Amino acid sequence: MTGIVYTRNSMRFDLITIFPEFFTGALEHGIVRRAREAELIDVHVQDLREFTKDRHRTVDDRPFGGGEGMVLKPEPLFEAVESLLGHRVGDAAAQTAPDPRTAIVLMSAAGKLFDQERAQRYARFNRVVLICGRYEGVDERVAEHLATEEISIGDFVLSGGELPALLVLDAVTRLIPGALGNEASSQNESFGARQDLRGKAEIESQLASHESRVTGHMLLDFPHYTRPAEYRGWKVPEILMGGNHAEVAKWRRAAAIEKTRRNRPDLLSAE
């Protein structure tokens, strides 16, 4: 599943993973298989370890500021995406504007919720690059300066981003004209079209009331950083390297609140 030629008439999906064999068989069934055979989509599975520099093919390192687990390093992810796109994304001094026809999506439990509306938007792109996270998380510089979006499939944590990436690929593929055969199928199913006749203000009010009751103050995970301390001019926050555990904990709490407010404001109770 490597080296597939991209054509104007098909949509391309790139899956970046440390477990390329995970996708063996998963793309060979149902609508996704038929869409590939009809050349409506191209799927390319990219082994992240091909962009490592050491003999152990290391893709992760310990987190700055301490804590559990390991964090995916920024270098192989930046280089993998740049190799697929055919150009650099830049650095802190000069960042390249993203192609408006391409989505670079980081699969992350700390991302914005994936829904049918987002699937419909992705179906209008020429290309979707799906970065499958692993371990404790991904260096935050990937979310901030490489990915165009950080996406979650629900309020739970998985071992990695491969399953979520497959869900996104399936949901988007079935919206591509010709994939289902009968175009009305995707319009007349759940979430296919908005049919709620209540006013927008009433809906938002009821949702806000419900969410404030059931979610409390659940927060997304705080941003993770690993080595190198500086990558392309983007530096790890100084406080994470100072060794003051109380200050690190305070920073992480504030950063988690900010990330939750940005990506999942529904998780924060009304104050």
C-alpha atoms as a PDB file:
ATOM      1  CA  MET A   1       0.000   0.000   0.000  1.00  0.00           C
ATOM      2  CA  THR A   2       2.908   2.321  -0.567  1.00  0.00           C
ATOM      3  CA  GLY A   3       3.790   4.354  -3.596  1.00  0.00           C
ATOM      4  CA  ILE A   4       0.218   4.786  -4.876  1.00  0.00           C
ATOM      5  CA  VAL A   5       0.017   7.417  -7.607  1.00  0.00           C
ATOM      6  CA  TYR A   6      -2.189  10.425  -6.787  1.00  0.00           C
ATOM      7  CA  THR A   7      -4.555  11.506  -9.524  1.00  0.00           C
ATOM      8  CA  ARG A   8      -6.755  14.577  -9.916  1.00  0.00           C
ATOM      9  CA  ASN A   9      -9.913  12.494 -10.019  1.00  0.00           C
ATOM     10  CA  SER A  10      -9.353  10.693  -6.730  1.00  0.00           C
ATOM     11  CA  MET A  11      -9.022  11.780  -3.142  1.00  0.00           C
ATOM     12  CA  ARG A  12      -5.830  10.804  -1.370  1.00  0.00           C
ATOM     13  CA  PHE A  13      -5.517   9.620   2.217  1.00  0.00           C
ATOM     14  CA  ASP A  14      -2.090   9.323   3.879  1.00  0.00           C
ATOM     15  CA  LEU A  15      -1.882   7.338   7.124  1.00  0.00           C
ATOM     16  CA  ILE A  16       1.296   8.011   9.140  1.00  0.00           C
ATOM     17  CA  THR A  17       1.919   5.320  11.740  1.00  0.00           C
ATOM     18  CA  ILE A  18       4.576   3.290  13.532  1.00  0.00           C
ATOM     19  CA  PHE A  19       2.464   0.177  12.873  1.00  0.00           C
ATOM     20  CA  PRO A  20       1.830   0.069   9.097  1.00  0.00           C
ATOM     21  CA  GLU A  21       0.810  -3.585   9.359  1.00  0.00           C
ATOM     22  CA  PHE A  22      -2.157  -2.456  11.495  1.00  0.00           C
ATOM     23  CA  PHE A  23      -3.954  -1.473   8.300  1.00  0.00           C
ATOM     24  CA  THR A  24      -3.369  -4.786   6.500  1.00  0.00           C
ATOM     25  CA  GLY A  25      -6.802  -6.124   5.690  1.00  0.00           C
ATOM     26  CA  ALA A  26      -8.710  -3.201   7.181  1.00  0.00           C
ATOM     27  CA  LEU A  27      -8.830  -1.377   3.845  1.00  0.00           C
ATOM     28  CA  GLU A  28      -9.816  -4.458   1.851  1.00  0.00           C
ATOM     29  CA  HIS A  29     -13.513  -4.572   2.679  1.00  0.00           C
ATOM     30  CA  GLY A  30     -16.800  -2.816   1.976  1.00  0.00           C
ATOM     31  CA  ILE A  31     -17.171   0.720   0.714  1.00  0.00           C
ATOM     32  CA  VAL A  32     -13.498   1.621   1.237  1.00  0.00           C
ATOM     33  CA  ARG A  33     -12.358  -1.313  -0.919  1.00  0.00           C
ATOM     34  CA  ARG A  34     -14.859  -0.497  -3.643  1.00  0.00           C
ATOM     35  CA  ALA A  35     -13.880   3.183  -3.604  1.00  0.00           C
ATOM     36  CA  ARG A  36     -10.226   2.220  -4.014  1.00  0.00           C
ATOM     37  CA  GLU A  37     -11.008  -0.168  -6.848  1.00  0.00           C
ATOM     38  CA  ALA A  38     -13.067   2.535  -8.567  1.00  0.00           C
ATOM     39  CA  GLU A  39     -10.132   4.948  -8.103  1.00  0.00           C
ATOM     40  CA  LEU A  40     -12.308   7.340  -6.126  1.00  0.00           C
ATOM     41  CA  ILE A  41      -9.700   7.294  -3.359  1.00  0.00           C
ATOM     42  CA  ASP A  42      -6.007   6.475  -3.033  1.00  0.00           C
ATOM     43  CA  VAL A  43      -4.674   5.278   0.312  1.00  0.00           C
ATOM     44  CA  HIS A  44      -0.999   5.446   1.248  1.00  0.00           C
ATOM     45  CA  VAL A  45       0.280   3.963   4.520  1.00  0.00           C
ATOM     46  CA  GLN A  46       3.524   5.590   5.649  1.00  0.00           C
ATOM     47  CA  ASP A  47       5.843   3.963   8.197  1.00  0.00           C
ATOM     48  CA  LEU A  48       7.001   6.768  10.509  1.00  0.00           C
ATOM     49  CA  ARG A  49      10.192   4.888  11.402  1.00  0.00           C
ATOM     50  CA  GLU A  50      11.513   5.469   7.877  1.00  0.00           C
ATOM     51  CA  PHE A  51      12.203   9.047   8.980  1.00  0.00           C
ATOM     52  CA  THR A  52      14.373   8.240  11.999  1.00  0.00           C
ATOM     53  CA  LYS A  53      18.126   8.764  12.078  1.00  0.00           C
ATOM     54  CA  ASP A  54      19.435   6.192  14.582  1.00  0.00           C
ATOM     55  CA  ARG A  55      19.910   2.448  14.219  1.00  0.00           C
ATOM     56  CA  HIS A  56      17.158   1.761  16.748  1.00  0.00           C
ATOM     57  CA  ARG A  57      14.679   3.782  14.631  1.00  0.00           C
ATOM     58  CA  THR A  58      13.620   5.788  17.689  1.00  0.00           C
ATOM     59  CA  VAL A  59      10.453   7.861  17.340  1.00  0.00           C
ATOM     60  CA  ASP A  60       9.838   8.773  20.991  1.00  0.00           C
ATOM     61  CA  ASP A  61      11.580  10.278  24.017  1.00  0.00           C
ATOM     62  CA  ARG A  62      10.913  11.221  27.647  1.00  0.00           C
ATOM     63  CA  PRO A  63       8.652  14.213  28.343  1.00  0.00           C
ATOM     64  CA  PHE A  64      10.077  17.509  29.531  1.00  0.00           C
ATOM     65  CA  GLY A  65       8.821  18.320  33.009  1.00  0.00           C
ATOM     66  CA  GLY A  66       8.647  14.658  33.998  1.00  0.00           C
ATOM     67  CA  GLY A  67       5.673  12.363  34.039  1.00  0.00           C
ATOM     68  CA  GLU A  68       4.546   8.994  32.797  1.00  0.00           C
ATOM     69  CA  GLY A  69       5.099   7.488  29.391  1.00  0.00           C
ATOM     70  CA  MET A  70       6.946   8.580  26.301  1.00  0.00           C
ATOM     71  CA  VAL A  71       6.186  11.289  23.746  1.00  0.00           C
ATOM     72  CA  LEU A  72       6.432  11.078  19.947  1.00  0.00           C
ATOM     73  CA  LYS A  73       9.260  13.306  18.740  1.00  0.00           C
ATOM     74  CA  PRO A  74       8.610  16.169  16.320  1.00  0.00           C
ATOM     75  CA  GLU A  75      11.432  15.521  13.816  1.00  0.00           C
ATOM     76  CA  PRO A  76      10.217  12.273  12.184  1.00  0.00           C
ATOM     77  CA  LEU A  77       6.627  13.553  12.002  1.00  0.00           C
ATOM     78  CA  PHE A  78       7.594  16.840  10.352  1.00  0.00           C
ATOM     79  CA  GLU A  79       9.865  15.040   7.903  1.00  0.00           C
ATOM     80  CA  ALA A  80       7.287  12.360   7.089  1.00  0.00           C
ATOM     81  CA  VAL A  81       4.601  14.940   6.286  1.00  0.00           C
ATOM     82  CA  GLU A  82       7.035  17.066   4.275  1.00  0.00           C
ATOM     83  CA  SER A  83       8.135  14.031   2.280  1.00  0.00           C
ATOM     84  CA  LEU A  84       4.522  13.209   1.442  1.00  0.00           C
ATOM     85  CA  LEU A  85       3.639  16.793   0.536  1.00  0.00           C
ATOM     86  CA  GLY A  86       6.837  17.392  -1.419  1.00  0.00           C
ATOM     87  CA  HIS A  87       7.778  20.627   0.362  1.00  0.00           C
ATOM     88  CA  ARG A  88       8.870  21.990   3.736  1.00  0.00           C
ATOM     89  CA  VAL A  89       6.328  23.463   6.116  1.00  0.00           C
ATOM     90  CA  GLY A  90       8.895  25.979   7.328  1.00  0.00           C
ATOM     91  CA  ASP A  91      10.128  26.966  10.767  1.00  0.00           C
ATOM     92  CA  ALA A  92       9.619  29.618  13.435  1.00  0.00           C
ATOM     93  CA  ALA A  93      11.161  32.285  11.209  1.00  0.00           C
ATOM     94  CA  ALA A  94       9.099  31.544   8.106  1.00  0.00           C
ATOM     95  CA  GLN A  95       6.233  29.077   8.105  1.00  0.00           C
ATOM     96  CA  THR A  96       4.731  27.956   4.796  1.00  0.00           C
ATOM     97  CA  ALA A  97       1.001  28.569   4.406  1.00  0.00           C
ATOM     98  CA  PRO A  98      -0.881  25.247   4.293  1.00  0.00           C
ATOM     99  CA  ASP A  99      -2.492  24.104   1.049  1.00  0.00           C
ATOM    100  CA  PRO A 100      -6.225  24.912   1.402  1.00  0.00           C
ATOM    101  CA  ARG A 101      -7.027  21.678  -0.453  1.00  0.00           C
ATOM    102  CA  THR A 102      -5.181  19.501   2.086  1.00  0.00           C
ATOM    103  CA  ALA A 103      -6.017  18.668   5.708  1.00  0.00           C
ATOM    104  CA  ILE A 104      -3.219  17.499   8.000  1.00  0.00           C
ATOM    105  CA  VAL A 105      -5.021  15.862  10.901  1.00  0.00           C
ATOM    106  CA  LEU A 106      -3.443  14.803  14.187  1.00  0.00           C
ATOM    107  CA  MET A 107      -5.532  12.086  15.829  1.00  0.00           C
ATOM    108  CA  SER A 108      -5.545  12.953  19.517  1.00  0.00           C
ATOM    109  CA  ALA A 109      -7.788  12.446  22.546  1.00  0.00           C
ATOM    110  CA  ALA A 110      -7.191  16.145  23.251  1.00  0.00           C
ATOM    111  CA  GLY A 111      -8.548  17.294  19.890  1.00  0.00           C
ATOM    112  CA  LYS A 112     -11.852  18.681  18.680  1.00  0.00           C
ATOM    113  CA  LEU A 113     -14.641  16.149  18.291  1.00  0.00           C
ATOM    114  CA  PHE A 114     -15.008  14.526  14.884  1.00  0.00           C
ATOM    115  CA  ASP A 115     -18.594  14.582  13.643  1.00  0.00           C
ATOM    116  CA  GLN A 116     -20.576  14.286  10.426  1.00  0.00           C
ATOM    117  CA  GLU A 117     -20.231  17.983   9.650  1.00  0.00           C
ATOM    118  CA  ARG A 118     -16.444  17.696   9.817  1.00  0.00           C
ATOM    119  CA  ALA A 119     -16.555  14.532   7.690  1.00  0.00           C
ATOM    120  CA  GLN A 120     -18.522  16.432   5.054  1.00  0.00           C
ATOM    121  CA  ARG A 121     -15.924  19.199   5.080  1.00  0.00           C
ATOM    122  CA  TYR A 122     -13.055  16.706   4.714  1.00  0.00           C
ATOM    123  CA  ALA A 123     -14.823  15.095   1.759  1.00  0.00           C
ATOM    124  CA  ARG A 124     -14.355  18.359  -0.140  1.00  0.00           C
ATOM    125  CA  PHE A 125     -10.552  18.246   0.251  1.00  0.00           C
ATOM    126  CA  ASN A 126      -8.220  16.763  -2.353  1.00  0.00           C
ATOM    127  CA  ARG A 127      -6.100  15.149   0.320  1.00  0.00           C
ATOM    128  CA  VAL A 128      -6.251  14.209   3.999  1.00  0.00           C
ATOM    129  CA  VAL A 129      -3.079  13.310   5.916  1.00  0.00           C
ATOM    130  CA  LEU A 130      -3.875  11.419   9.140  1.00  0.00           C
ATOM    131  CA  ILE A 131      -1.161  11.364  11.813  1.00  0.00           C
ATOM    132  CA  CYS A 132      -1.630   8.437  14.203  1.00  0.00           C
ATOM    133  CA  GLY A 133      -0.406   9.323  17.682  1.00  0.00           C
ATOM    134  CA  ARG A 134       1.009   6.768  20.122  1.00  0.00           C
ATOM    135  CA  TYR A 135       2.433   6.512  23.632  1.00  0.00           C
ATOM    136  CA  GLU A 136       1.601   9.266  26.133  1.00  0.00           C
ATOM    137  CA  GLY A 137       1.128  11.829  23.390  1.00  0.00           C
ATOM    138  CA  VAL A 138       2.724  13.789  20.570  1.00  0.00           C
ATOM    139  CA  ASP A 139       5.088  16.746  20.934  1.00  0.00           C
ATOM    140  CA  GLU A 140       2.861  19.825  21.014  1.00  0.00           C
ATOM    141  CA  ARG A 141       4.851  21.502  18.233  1.00  0.00           C
ATOM    142  CA  VAL A 142       3.255  18.997  15.856  1.00  0.00           C
ATOM    143  CA  ALA A 143      -0.234  20.160  16.837  1.00  0.00           C
ATOM    144  CA  GLU A 144       0.735  23.832  16.785  1.00  0.00           C
ATOM    145  CA  HIS A 145       2.907  24.080  13.670  1.00  0.00           C
ATOM    146  CA  LEU A 146       2.393  21.000  11.479  1.00  0.00           C
ATOM    147  CA  ALA A 147      -1.185  19.754  11.776  1.00  0.00           C
ATOM    148  CA  THR A 148      -4.006  21.904  10.472  1.00  0.00           C
ATOM    149  CA  GLU A 149      -6.389  20.209  12.920  1.00  0.00           C
ATOM    150  CA  GLU A 150      -6.258  18.077  16.066  1.00  0.00           C
ATOM    151  CA  ILE A 151      -9.163  15.628  16.157  1.00  0.00           C
ATOM    152  CA  SER A 152     -10.688  13.223  18.690  1.00  0.00           C
ATOM    153  CA  ILE A 153     -13.356  10.590  18.010  1.00  0.00           C
ATOM    154  CA  GLY A 154     -14.829  10.642  21.521  1.00  0.00           C
ATOM    155  CA  ASP A 155     -14.391  11.090  25.254  1.00  0.00           C
ATOM    156  CA  PHE A 156     -12.217   8.048  25.799  1.00  0.00           C
ATOM    157  CA  VAL A 157      -8.551   7.107  25.354  1.00  0.00           C
ATOM    158  CA  LEU A 158      -7.182   4.485  22.966  1.00  0.00           C
ATOM    159  CA  SER A 159      -3.711   3.003  22.621  1.00  0.00           C
ATOM    160  CA  GLY A 160      -3.070   4.897  19.408  1.00  0.00           C
ATOM    161  CA  GLY A 161      -4.534   6.859  16.527  1.00  0.00           C
ATOM    162  CA  GLU A 162      -4.774   4.013  14.014  1.00  0.00           C
ATOM    163  CA  LEU A 163      -8.357   3.000  14.808  1.00  0.00           C
ATOM    164  CA  PRO A 164      -9.570   6.627  14.882  1.00  0.00           C
ATOM    165  CA  ALA A 165      -7.839   7.250  11.551  1.00  0.00           C
ATOM    166  CA  LEU A 166      -9.695   4.321  10.017  1.00  0.00           C
ATOM    167  CA  LEU A 167     -12.995   5.661  11.329  1.00  0.00           C
ATOM    168  CA  VAL A 168     -12.297   9.069   9.784  1.00  0.00           C
ATOM    169  CA  LEU A 169     -11.276   7.497   6.479  1.00  0.00           C
ATOM    170  CA  ASP A 170     -14.461   5.411   6.334  1.00  0.00           C
ATOM    171  CA  ALA A 171     -16.759   8.289   7.310  1.00  0.00           C
ATOM    172  CA  VAL A 172     -15.223  10.594   4.696  1.00  0.00           C
ATOM    173  CA  THR A 173     -15.019   7.998   1.911  1.00  0.00           C
ATOM    174  CA  ARG A 174     -18.730   7.223   1.992  1.00  0.00           C
ATOM    175  CA  LEU A 175     -19.448  10.930   1.345  1.00  0.00           C
ATOM    176  CA  ILE A 176     -17.398  11.040  -1.855  1.00  0.00           C
ATOM    177  CA  PRO A 177     -19.666  11.093  -4.911  1.00  0.00           C
ATOM    178  CA  GLY A 178     -19.938   7.602  -6.367  1.00  0.00           C
ATOM    179  CA  ALA A 179     -18.725   5.747  -3.272  1.00  0.00           C
ATOM    180  CA  LEU A 180     -22.187   4.563  -2.186  1.00  0.00           C
ATOM    181  CA  GLY A 181     -23.758   4.221  -5.616  1.00  0.00           C
ATOM    182  CA  ASN A 182     -26.948   5.951  -4.464  1.00  0.00           C
ATOM    183  CA  GLU A 183     -26.087   9.493  -3.354  1.00  0.00           C
ATOM    184  CA  ALA A 184     -29.335   9.793  -1.392  1.00  0.00           C
ATOM    185  CA  SER A 185     -28.063   7.099   0.988  1.00  0.00           C
ATOM    186  CA  SER A 186     -25.646   9.463   2.747  1.00  0.00           C
ATOM    187  CA  GLN A 187     -28.206  12.276   2.852  1.00  0.00           C
ATOM    188  CA  ASN A 188     -31.060  10.307   4.394  1.00  0.00           C
ATOM    189  CA  GLU A 189     -29.172   8.547   7.203  1.00  0.00           C
ATOM    190  CA  SER A 190     -28.283   9.647  10.734  1.00  0.00           C
ATOM    191  CA  PHE A 191     -26.582  13.063  10.796  1.00  0.00           C
ATOM    192  CA  GLY A 192     -26.938  13.311   7.014  1.00  0.00           C
ATOM    193  CA  ALA A 193     -28.929  16.529   7.130  1.00  0.00           C
ATOM    194  CA  ARG A 194     -30.086  18.843   9.865  1.00  0.00           C
ATOM    195  CA  GLN A 195     -33.792  18.305  10.412  1.00  0.00           C
ATOM    196  CA  ASP A 196     -34.283  19.809  13.882  1.00  0.00           C
ATOM    197  CA  LEU A 197     -36.920  22.507  13.604  1.00  0.00           C
ATOM    198  CA  ARG A 198     -36.181  24.202  16.910  1.00  0.00           C
ATOM    199  CA  GLY A 199     -34.487  27.564  16.928  1.00  0.00           C
ATOM    200  CA  LYS A 200     -30.695  27.612  17.116  1.00  0.00           C
ATOM    201  CA  ALA A 201     -30.699  29.551  20.386  1.00  0.00           C
ATOM    202  CA  GLU A 202     -33.043  26.988  21.993  1.00  0.00           C
ATOM    203  CA  ILE A 203     -30.875  24.065  20.876  1.00  0.00           C
ATOM    204  CA  GLU A 204     -27.660  25.676  22.131  1.00  0.00           C
ATOM    205  CA  SER A 205     -29.296  26.533  25.455  1.00  0.00           C
ATOM    206  CA  GLN A 206     -30.464  22.962  26.013  1.00  0.00           C
ATOM    207  CA  LEU A 207     -27.097  21.516  24.999  1.00  0.00           C
ATOM    208  CA  ALA A 208     -25.240  23.867  27.323  1.00  0.00           C
ATOM    209  CA  SER A 209     -27.562  22.962  30.196  1.00  0.00           C
ATOM    210  CA  HIS A 210     -27.150  19.233  29.578  1.00  0.00           C
ATOM    211  CA  GLU A 211     -23.368  19.399  29.164  1.00  0.00           C
ATOM    212  CA  SER A 212     -22.894  21.416  32.326  1.00  0.00           C
ATOM    213  CA  ARG A 213     -24.724  18.698  34.270  1.00  0.00           C
ATOM    214  CA  VAL A 214     -22.893  15.681  32.902  1.00  0.00           C
ATOM    215  CA  THR A 215     -19.319  16.816  32.260  1.00  0.00           C
ATOM    216  CA  GLY A 216     -18.365  18.811  35.345  1.00  0.00           C
ATOM    217  CA  HIS A 217     -14.808  20.113  34.996  1.00  0.00           C
ATOM    218  CA  MET A 218     -13.308  17.262  32.981  1.00  0.00           C
ATOM    219  CA  LEU A 219     -10.201  18.556  31.202  1.00  0.00           C
ATOM    220  CA  LEU A 220      -8.245  17.479  28.165  1.00  0.00           C
ATOM    221  CA  ASP A 221      -4.673  16.352  28.679  1.00  0.00           C
ATOM    222  CA  PHE A 222      -2.021  19.052  28.979  1.00  0.00           C
ATOM    223  CA  PRO A 223       0.444  19.625  26.088  1.00  0.00           C
ATOM    224  CA  HIS A 224       3.467  17.311  25.968  1.00  0.00           C
ATOM    225  CA  TYR A 225       6.971  18.190  24.822  1.00  0.00           C
ATOM    226  CA  THR A 226      10.066  16.061  24.333  1.00  0.00           C
ATOM    227  CA  ARG A 227      13.550  16.474  22.893  1.00  0.00           C
ATOM    228  CA  PRO A 228      14.910  18.454  21.183  1.00  0.00           C
ATOM    229  CA  ALA A 229      14.382  21.485  23.411  1.00  0.00           C
ATOM    230  CA  GLU A 230      14.368  23.641  20.273  1.00  0.00           C
ATOM    231  CA  TYR A 231      13.194  22.452  16.879  1.00  0.00           C
ATOM    232  CA  ARG A 232      13.255  24.777  13.863  1.00  0.00           C
ATOM    233  CA  GLY A 233      13.144  27.734  16.227  1.00  0.00           C
ATOM    234  CA  TRP A 234      10.135  26.464  18.195  1.00  0.00           C
ATOM    235  CA  LYS A 235      11.178  26.102  21.820  1.00  0.00           C
ATOM    236  CA  VAL A 236       9.852  23.997  24.651  1.00  0.00           C
ATOM    237  CA  PRO A 237       8.359  26.236  27.380  1.00  0.00           C
ATOM    238  CA  GLU A 238      11.191  27.157  29.720  1.00  0.00           C
ATOM    239  CA  ILE A 239       9.228  26.241  32.833  1.00  0.00           C
ATOM    240  CA  LEU A 240       9.180  22.566  31.806  1.00  0.00           C
ATOM    241  CA  MET A 241      12.968  22.394  31.890  1.00  0.00           C
ATOM    242  CA  GLY A 242      13.504  24.217  35.195  1.00  0.00           C
ATOM    243  CA  GLY A 243      12.999  21.271  37.545  1.00  0.00           C
ATOM    244  CA  ASN A 244      10.434  23.024  39.760  1.00  0.00           C
ATOM    245  CA  HIS A 245       7.729  20.368  39.968  1.00  0.00           C
ATOM    246  CA  ALA A 246       5.186  22.640  41.627  1.00  0.00           C
ATOM    247  CA  GLU A 247       5.538  25.238  38.884  1.00  0.00           C
ATOM    248  CA  VAL A 248       5.386  22.535  36.207  1.00  0.00           C
ATOM    249  CA  ALA A 249       2.156  21.203  37.711  1.00  0.00           C
ATOM    250  CA  LYS A 250       0.703  24.717  37.816  1.00  0.00           C
ATOM    251  CA  TRP A 251       1.667  25.346  34.178  1.00  0.00           C
ATOM    252  CA  ARG A 252       0.234  22.017  33.049  1.00  0.00           C
ATOM    253  CA  ARG A 253      -3.061  22.708  34.804  1.00  0.00           C
ATOM    254  CA  ALA A 254      -3.365  26.123  33.149  1.00  0.00           C
ATOM    255  CA  ALA A 255      -2.356  24.706  29.758  1.00  0.00           C
ATOM    256  CA  ALA A 256      -4.912  21.896  30.063  1.00  0.00           C
ATOM    257  CA  ILE A 257      -7.658  24.403  30.838  1.00  0.00           C
ATOM    258  CA  GLU A 258      -6.640  26.552  27.854  1.00  0.00           C
ATOM    259  CA  LYS A 259      -6.530  23.557  25.495  1.00  0.00           C
ATOM    260  CA  THR A 260      -9.924  22.397  26.744  1.00  0.00           C
ATOM    261  CA  ARG A 261     -11.357  25.872  26.248  1.00  0.00           C
ATOM    262  CA  ARG A 262      -9.951  25.946  22.692  1.00  0.00           C
ATOM    263  CA  ASN A 263     -10.810  22.405  21.540  1.00  0.00           C
ATOM    264  CA  ARG A 264     -13.664  21.240  23.780  1.00  0.00           C
ATOM    265  CA  PRO A 265     -15.403  24.166  25.503  1.00  0.00           C
ATOM    266  CA  ASP A 266     -18.390  21.872  26.097  1.00  0.00           C
ATOM    267  CA  LEU A 267     -16.362  20.089  28.794  1.00  0.00           C
ATOM    268  CA  LEU A 268     -16.124  23.211  30.908  1.00  0.00           C
ATOM    269  CA  SER A 269     -19.059  23.936  33.185  1.00  0.00           C
ATOM    270  CA  ALA A 270     -20.689  27.343  32.998  1.00  0.00           C
ATOM    271  CA  GLU A 271     -19.244  29.542  35.671  1.00  0.00           C
END
